[in-house]
Protein backbone atom coordinates (compact mmCIF):
# COMPACT_ATOMS: atom_id res chain seq x y z
CA UNK A 1 4.05 -2.47 -15.08
CA UNK A 2 1.80 -0.13 -16.43
CA UNK A 3 -1.13 0.16 -14.05
CA UNK A 4 -3.27 2.28 -16.57
CA UNK A 5 -3.48 -0.11 -19.19
CA UNK A 6 -4.21 -2.93 -16.44
CA UNK A 7 -6.78 -0.38 -15.34
CA UNK A 8 -8.82 0.07 -18.40
CA UNK A 9 -8.46 -3.68 -19.08
CA UNK A 10 -9.99 -4.53 -15.82
CA UNK A 11 -12.86 -1.86 -16.50
CA UNK A 12 -13.58 -3.26 -19.89
CA UNK A 13 -13.63 -6.77 -18.68
CA UNK A 14 -15.95 -5.57 -15.90
CA UNK A 15 -18.30 -4.34 -18.73
CA UNK A 16 -18.22 -7.36 -20.86
CA UNK A 17 -18.72 -9.52 -17.62
CA UNK A 18 -21.53 -7.45 -16.48
CA UNK A 19 -23.23 -7.65 -19.65
CA UNK A 20 -22.99 -11.50 -19.62
CA UNK A 21 -24.54 -11.42 -16.23
CA UNK A 22 -27.61 -9.06 -17.33
CA UNK A 23 -27.94 -11.85 -20.27
CA UNK A 24 -27.99 -14.72 -18.00
CA UNK A 25 -30.51 -12.66 -15.82
CA UNK A 26 -32.85 -12.39 -18.75
CA UNK A 27 -32.33 -15.66 -20.62
CA UNK A 28 -30.96 -18.10 -17.71
CA UNK A 29 -28.26 -18.94 -19.99
CA UNK A 30 -24.71 -17.94 -19.75
CA UNK A 31 -22.85 -18.12 -23.31
CA UNK A 32 -19.39 -18.93 -21.73
CA UNK A 33 -18.08 -21.13 -18.87
CA UNK A 34 -18.45 -19.09 -15.58
CA UNK A 35 -15.45 -20.53 -14.21
CA UNK A 36 -13.20 -19.74 -17.19
CA UNK A 37 -14.31 -16.19 -17.31
CA UNK A 38 -14.09 -15.56 -13.54
CA UNK A 39 -10.65 -16.67 -13.70
CA UNK A 40 -9.73 -14.09 -16.10
CA UNK A 41 -11.57 -11.32 -14.20
CA UNK A 42 -9.68 -12.45 -10.93
CA UNK A 43 -6.37 -12.25 -12.78
CA UNK A 44 -6.90 -8.80 -13.77
CA UNK A 45 -8.03 -7.61 -10.45
CA UNK A 46 -5.10 -9.28 -8.57
CA UNK A 47 -2.62 -7.99 -11.04
CA UNK A 48 -4.15 -4.50 -10.43
CA UNK A 49 -4.53 -4.29 -7.20
CA UNK A 50 -1.35 -6.01 -6.45
CA UNK A 51 0.38 -3.55 -8.77
CA UNK A 52 -1.24 -0.70 -6.85
CA UNK A 53 -0.06 -2.14 -3.57
CA UNK A 54 3.70 -2.77 -4.43
CA UNK A 55 3.58 0.91 -5.87
CA UNK A 56 2.37 2.33 -2.53
CA UNK A 57 4.63 0.57 -0.03
CA UNK A 58 7.73 0.82 -2.39
CA UNK A 59 7.81 4.04 -4.25
CA UNK A 60 9.52 6.92 -2.94
CA UNK A 61 7.10 10.26 -2.85
CA UNK A 62 7.75 13.17 -5.05
CA UNK A 63 8.16 15.20 -1.78
CA UNK A 64 10.85 13.06 -0.54
CA UNK A 65 12.86 12.93 -3.75
CA UNK A 66 12.37 16.61 -4.33
CA UNK A 67 10.42 16.53 -7.45
CA UNK A 68 6.88 17.83 -8.63
CA UNK A 69 4.01 15.86 -8.16
CA UNK A 70 3.24 13.89 -11.37
CA UNK A 71 0.20 14.31 -13.38
CA UNK A 72 -2.51 11.34 -12.53
CA UNK A 73 -4.40 9.96 -15.42
CA UNK A 74 -7.93 9.79 -15.07
CA UNK A 75 -9.36 6.54 -13.44
CA UNK A 76 -12.53 5.68 -11.75
CA UNK A 77 -12.56 5.16 -8.22
CA UNK A 78 -12.54 1.59 -6.94
CA UNK A 79 -15.91 1.99 -5.27
CA UNK A 80 -17.79 2.39 -8.75
CA UNK A 81 -16.58 -1.06 -9.29
CA UNK A 82 -17.77 -2.25 -5.71
CA UNK A 83 -21.14 -0.05 -6.05
CA UNK A 84 -21.94 -1.66 -9.56
CA UNK A 85 -21.65 -5.50 -8.39
CA UNK A 86 -23.31 -4.42 -5.03
CA UNK A 87 -26.26 -2.67 -6.43
CA UNK A 88 -26.66 -5.73 -8.97
CA UNK A 89 -27.23 -8.22 -6.03
CA UNK A 90 -30.47 -6.50 -4.42
CA UNK A 91 -31.74 -5.62 -8.11
CA UNK A 92 -31.52 -9.03 -9.16
CA UNK A 93 -32.96 -10.38 -6.10
CA UNK A 94 -35.79 -8.02 -6.41
CA UNK A 95 -36.23 -8.95 -10.04
CA UNK A 96 -36.57 -12.75 -9.37
CA UNK A 97 -38.78 -11.78 -6.42
CA UNK A 98 -41.30 -10.12 -8.07
CA UNK A 99 -40.99 -11.91 -11.88
CA UNK A 100 -39.78 -15.33 -11.15
CA UNK A 101 -41.11 -16.92 -14.31
CA UNK A 102 -39.38 -13.72 -16.30
CA UNK A 103 -35.97 -13.74 -14.70
CA UNK A 104 -33.24 -16.04 -13.72
CA UNK A 105 -30.61 -15.35 -10.93
CA UNK A 106 -26.97 -15.16 -12.39
CA UNK A 107 -25.26 -17.91 -10.91
CA UNK A 108 -21.90 -16.18 -10.71
CA UNK A 109 -23.15 -12.56 -9.31
CA UNK A 110 -22.66 -13.59 -5.59
CA UNK A 111 -19.22 -14.74 -6.36
CA UNK A 112 -17.90 -11.81 -8.23
CA UNK A 113 -19.55 -9.21 -5.94
CA UNK A 114 -17.92 -10.77 -3.12
CA UNK A 115 -14.58 -11.04 -4.96
CA UNK A 116 -14.68 -7.15 -5.76
CA UNK A 117 -15.33 -6.43 -2.23
CA UNK A 118 -13.03 -8.37 -0.88
CA UNK A 119 -10.26 -6.57 -2.98
CA UNK A 120 -11.88 -3.33 -2.46
CA UNK A 121 -11.68 -3.71 1.69
CA UNK A 122 -7.99 -4.97 1.47
CA UNK A 123 -6.86 -2.13 -0.54
CA UNK A 124 -8.42 0.32 1.82
CA UNK A 125 -7.16 -1.34 4.84
CA UNK A 126 -3.55 -1.28 3.16
CA UNK A 127 -4.19 2.62 2.40
CA UNK A 128 -4.68 2.91 5.96
CA UNK A 129 -1.65 1.07 7.35
CA UNK A 130 0.44 3.31 4.58
CA UNK A 131 -1.11 6.52 6.13
CA UNK A 132 -0.39 5.38 9.77
CA UNK A 133 3.07 4.32 8.72
CA UNK A 134 3.69 7.53 6.91
CA UNK A 135 2.68 9.43 9.87
CA UNK A 136 4.86 7.53 12.16
CA UNK A 137 7.64 8.12 9.96
CA UNK A 138 7.05 11.80 9.84
CA UNK A 139 6.71 11.79 13.53
CA UNK A 140 9.97 10.11 14.22
CA UNK A 141 11.79 12.38 11.72
CA UNK A 142 10.63 15.50 13.58
CA UNK A 143 11.21 13.80 16.99
CA UNK A 144 14.71 12.94 15.80
CA UNK A 145 15.39 16.30 13.96
CA UNK A 146 14.54 18.31 17.15
CA UNK A 147 15.53 16.09 20.00
CA UNK A 148 17.87 19.01 21.62
CA UNK A 149 14.99 21.38 20.88
CA UNK A 150 12.97 21.87 24.19
CA UNK A 151 10.50 23.52 22.23
CA UNK A 152 9.92 20.79 19.92
CA UNK A 153 6.10 19.51 20.09
CA UNK A 154 6.16 15.44 20.98
CA UNK A 155 3.96 13.40 18.75
CA UNK A 156 0.40 12.64 20.49
CA UNK A 157 -1.16 9.65 21.18
CA UNK A 158 -1.39 7.07 19.48
CA UNK A 159 1.05 8.58 17.17
CA UNK A 160 3.55 8.30 19.98
CA UNK A 161 3.49 4.36 20.05
CA UNK A 162 3.85 4.17 16.35
CA UNK A 163 6.87 6.58 16.31
CA UNK A 164 8.46 4.23 18.87
CA UNK A 165 7.90 1.24 17.11
CA UNK A 166 8.89 2.65 13.87
CA UNK A 167 12.11 3.60 15.54
CA UNK A 168 12.61 0.14 16.73
CA UNK A 169 12.19 -1.31 13.30
CA UNK A 170 14.74 1.59 11.82
CA UNK A 171 17.11 0.42 14.66
CA UNK A 172 16.78 -2.95 13.52
CA UNK A 173 17.39 -2.52 10.08
CA UNK A 174 20.34 -0.28 10.86
CA UNK A 175 22.06 -3.22 13.05
CA UNK A 176 21.23 -6.17 10.65
CA UNK A 177 22.78 -4.07 7.74
CA UNK A 178 25.86 -3.02 10.05
CA UNK A 179 26.39 -6.92 10.86
CA UNK A 180 25.96 -7.94 7.54
CA UNK A 181 28.62 -5.53 5.74
CA UNK A 182 30.83 -4.86 9.05
CA UNK A 183 29.85 -1.23 9.20
CA UNK A 184 27.42 1.37 8.13
CA UNK A 185 27.57 5.25 7.03
CA UNK A 186 25.03 8.02 7.75
CA UNK A 187 24.39 7.96 3.87
CA UNK A 188 23.55 4.18 3.91
CA UNK A 189 20.96 4.83 7.03
CA UNK A 190 19.38 7.52 4.81
CA UNK A 191 18.64 5.02 2.00
CA UNK A 192 17.44 2.30 4.42
CA UNK A 193 15.18 4.67 6.33
CA UNK A 194 14.39 7.35 3.97
CA UNK A 195 15.16 9.67 6.90
CA UNK A 196 16.32 13.30 6.17
CA UNK A 197 20.17 13.77 6.96
CA UNK A 198 19.77 15.22 10.53
CA UNK A 199 17.31 12.67 11.79
CA UNK A 200 19.45 9.77 10.13
CA UNK A 201 22.47 11.48 12.36
CA UNK A 202 20.49 11.49 15.26
CA UNK A 203 19.23 8.06 14.78
CA UNK A 204 22.79 6.90 14.90
CA UNK A 205 24.08 8.95 17.69
CA UNK A 206 21.24 7.77 19.70
CA UNK A 207 21.96 3.95 19.09
CA UNK A 208 26.06 4.74 19.74
CA UNK A 209 24.75 6.57 23.08
CA UNK A 210 22.70 3.34 23.99
CA UNK A 211 25.65 0.99 23.11
CA UNK A 212 23.87 -0.36 20.11
CA UNK A 213 26.67 0.93 17.80
CA UNK A 214 30.27 2.59 18.03
CA UNK A 215 32.09 4.87 15.76
CA UNK A 216 34.71 3.31 13.74
CA UNK A 217 38.32 4.45 13.39
CA UNK A 218 38.96 6.51 10.62
CA UNK A 219 40.42 4.80 7.61
CA UNK A 220 41.44 8.02 5.69
CA UNK A 221 37.78 8.56 4.33
CA UNK A 222 36.02 11.75 5.33
CA UNK A 223 32.59 9.50 5.81
CA UNK A 224 31.79 8.31 9.46
CA UNK A 225 31.44 4.72 9.47
CA UNK A 226 29.63 2.77 12.48
CA UNK A 227 30.08 -0.80 13.85
CA UNK A 228 27.82 -2.93 15.80
CA UNK A 229 29.09 -2.63 19.22
């Protein structure tokens, strides 16, 4: 999905819709059916925000892939869209209050403003959760990599709780895959968890020590495999 194209389509439609709201404010007449034009706007916002969330939660970061950061195309921050509609609400209200015979409050202004605000808030909550998830991943990776190093600093609270939950989720994913395929390798654990080599191996060794997994007998392969205990 080309998010840049969807973004500029959404920005263009925002400008058109805002112009229609201004026209309705001045004339009291909306040239088009509000339900129809709002449905298109809602579809564009859903596509753009949904695409961003899918990319945010599924994309491997360039640092993890060992690649340079890609150049970012210029876009207006989402807060500009929220600000446009949020400012329109009090402005329109004041204009109606002081010049009731001259201006007409746009019927769909409240609906549009609340929709945009809802998308913006949900996107920011998702961003906060992703940052927390990345911190937990990094903390767990550091903990596993330096598990035998007494001088390694432990994650601080509340990151410590996030790390513990992250480890449980990773172990559950490893066990599920091991049960599904009969066994699992370190390389497969790396793909599932995005952990580095040493951290993935430490995770497997910890699961073996606790009786969750056992090392499979050698079948001629140089790659150690792990079976459900």
